[in-house]
């Protein structure tokens, strides 16, 4: 399976990583996928679903869709 996380956002365990939205250079804590600005820009129902999602292929697909929406809205 192809890794959909851009190489620039990967980091060593415990290290900080960048927001997954293309062009955003905000450094986040481990476990976060998008910065606070992009998180708030998501519709409330999307934030609710994503905050309840677990790790795995379904959660990854949900996050990929959310990042695509954000890149379309804020790029």
C-alpha atoms as a PDB file:
ATOM      1  CA  UNK A   1       0.000   0.000   0.000  1.00  0.00           C
ATOM      2  CA  UNK A   2       1.348   3.423  -0.921  1.00  0.00           C
ATOM      3  CA  UNK A   3       2.089   5.840   1.890  1.00  0.00           C
ATOM      4  CA  UNK A   4      -0.121   8.912   1.384  1.00  0.00           C
ATOM      5  CA  UNK A   5       1.619  11.113   3.967  1.00  0.00           C
ATOM      6  CA  UNK A   6       3.980  13.528   2.238  1.00  0.00           C
ATOM      7  CA  UNK A   7       7.620  12.818   3.061  1.00  0.00           C
ATOM      8  CA  UNK A   8       8.023  16.395   4.341  1.00  0.00           C
ATOM      9  CA  UNK A   9       5.484  15.777   7.117  1.00  0.00           C
ATOM     10  CA  UNK A  10       7.049  12.562   8.412  1.00  0.00           C
ATOM     11  CA  UNK A  11       9.194  12.691  11.505  1.00  0.00           C
ATOM     12  CA  UNK A  12      10.952  10.479  13.988  1.00  0.00           C
ATOM     13  CA  UNK A  13       8.957   9.183  16.931  1.00  0.00           C
ATOM     14  CA  UNK A  14       8.357  11.981  19.424  1.00  0.00           C
ATOM     15  CA  UNK A  15       9.460  14.703  17.014  1.00  0.00           C
ATOM     16  CA  UNK A  16       7.322  17.557  15.747  1.00  0.00           C
ATOM     17  CA  UNK A  17       5.780  17.401  12.261  1.00  0.00           C
ATOM     18  CA  UNK A  18       4.301  19.860   9.768  1.00  0.00           C
ATOM     19  CA  UNK A  19       0.643  20.419   8.954  1.00  0.00           C
ATOM     20  CA  UNK A  20      -0.443  18.083   6.126  1.00  0.00           C
ATOM     21  CA  UNK A  21      -2.117  20.871   4.142  1.00  0.00           C
ATOM     22  CA  UNK A  22       0.055  21.734   1.134  1.00  0.00           C
ATOM     23  CA  UNK A  23       1.915  24.995   1.612  1.00  0.00           C
ATOM     24  CA  UNK A  24       1.391  25.138   5.387  1.00  0.00           C
ATOM     25  CA  UNK A  25       4.625  25.155   7.377  1.00  0.00           C
ATOM     26  CA  UNK A  26       3.117  25.153  10.878  1.00  0.00           C
ATOM     27  CA  UNK A  27       4.903  22.712  13.197  1.00  0.00           C
ATOM     28  CA  UNK A  28       2.562  20.605  15.316  1.00  0.00           C
ATOM     29  CA  UNK A  29       2.851  18.185  18.208  1.00  0.00           C
ATOM     30  CA  UNK A  30       2.957  14.451  17.615  1.00  0.00           C
ATOM     31  CA  UNK A  31      -0.461  13.024  16.811  1.00  0.00           C
ATOM     32  CA  UNK A  32      -1.835  16.111  15.085  1.00  0.00           C
ATOM     33  CA  UNK A  33      -2.454  16.016  11.328  1.00  0.00           C
ATOM     34  CA  UNK A  34      -3.421  19.630  10.614  1.00  0.00           C
ATOM     35  CA  UNK A  35      -2.670  22.909  12.366  1.00  0.00           C
ATOM     36  CA  UNK A  36      -5.219  24.711  14.514  1.00  0.00           C
ATOM     37  CA  UNK A  37      -6.065  27.203  11.745  1.00  0.00           C
ATOM     38  CA  UNK A  38      -6.899  24.440   9.288  1.00  0.00           C
ATOM     39  CA  UNK A  39      -8.735  22.399  11.948  1.00  0.00           C
ATOM     40  CA  UNK A  40     -11.050  25.347  12.684  1.00  0.00           C
ATOM     41  CA  UNK A  41     -11.610  25.864   8.937  1.00  0.00           C
ATOM     42  CA  UNK A  42     -13.196  22.399   8.640  1.00  0.00           C
ATOM     43  CA  UNK A  43     -16.992  22.203   8.916  1.00  0.00           C
ATOM     44  CA  UNK A  44     -18.205  21.221  12.392  1.00  0.00           C
ATOM     45  CA  UNK A  45     -19.538  17.818  11.319  1.00  0.00           C
ATOM     46  CA  UNK A  46     -16.179  16.942   9.735  1.00  0.00           C
ATOM     47  CA  UNK A  47     -14.314  17.973  12.909  1.00  0.00           C
ATOM     48  CA  UNK A  48     -16.657  15.813  14.989  1.00  0.00           C
ATOM     49  CA  UNK A  49     -16.124  12.734  12.782  1.00  0.00           C
ATOM     50  CA  UNK A  50     -12.365  13.239  12.637  1.00  0.00           C
ATOM     51  CA  UNK A  51     -12.024  13.762  16.382  1.00  0.00           C
ATOM     52  CA  UNK A  52     -13.755  10.414  16.963  1.00  0.00           C
ATOM     53  CA  UNK A  53     -11.750   8.542  14.305  1.00  0.00           C
ATOM     54  CA  UNK A  54      -9.108   6.005  15.208  1.00  0.00           C
ATOM     55  CA  UNK A  55      -5.880   5.195  13.411  1.00  0.00           C
ATOM     56  CA  UNK A  56      -6.145   2.903  10.422  1.00  0.00           C
ATOM     57  CA  UNK A  57      -7.184   2.892   6.784  1.00  0.00           C
ATOM     58  CA  UNK A  58     -10.657   4.360   7.363  1.00  0.00           C
ATOM     59  CA  UNK A  59      -9.329   7.221   9.490  1.00  0.00           C
ATOM     60  CA  UNK A  60      -6.533   7.840   6.972  1.00  0.00           C
ATOM     61  CA  UNK A  61      -9.094   8.058   4.159  1.00  0.00           C
ATOM     62  CA  UNK A  62     -11.205  10.520   6.177  1.00  0.00           C
ATOM     63  CA  UNK A  63      -8.147  12.692   6.848  1.00  0.00           C
ATOM     64  CA  UNK A  64      -7.085  12.570   3.189  1.00  0.00           C
ATOM     65  CA  UNK A  65     -10.520  13.827   2.187  1.00  0.00           C
ATOM     66  CA  UNK A  66     -10.422  16.576   4.840  1.00  0.00           C
ATOM     67  CA  UNK A  67      -6.981  17.742   3.692  1.00  0.00           C
ATOM     68  CA  UNK A  68      -8.189  17.803   0.071  1.00  0.00           C
ATOM     69  CA  UNK A  69     -11.165  19.947   1.112  1.00  0.00           C
ATOM     70  CA  UNK A  70      -8.876  22.320   3.007  1.00  0.00           C
ATOM     71  CA  UNK A  71      -6.463  22.624   0.102  1.00  0.00           C
ATOM     72  CA  UNK A  72      -9.370  23.479  -2.180  1.00  0.00           C
ATOM     73  CA  UNK A  73     -10.768  26.089   0.226  1.00  0.00           C
ATOM     74  CA  UNK A  74      -7.627  27.755   1.494  1.00  0.00           C
ATOM     75  CA  UNK A  75      -4.996  27.227  -1.201  1.00  0.00           C
END
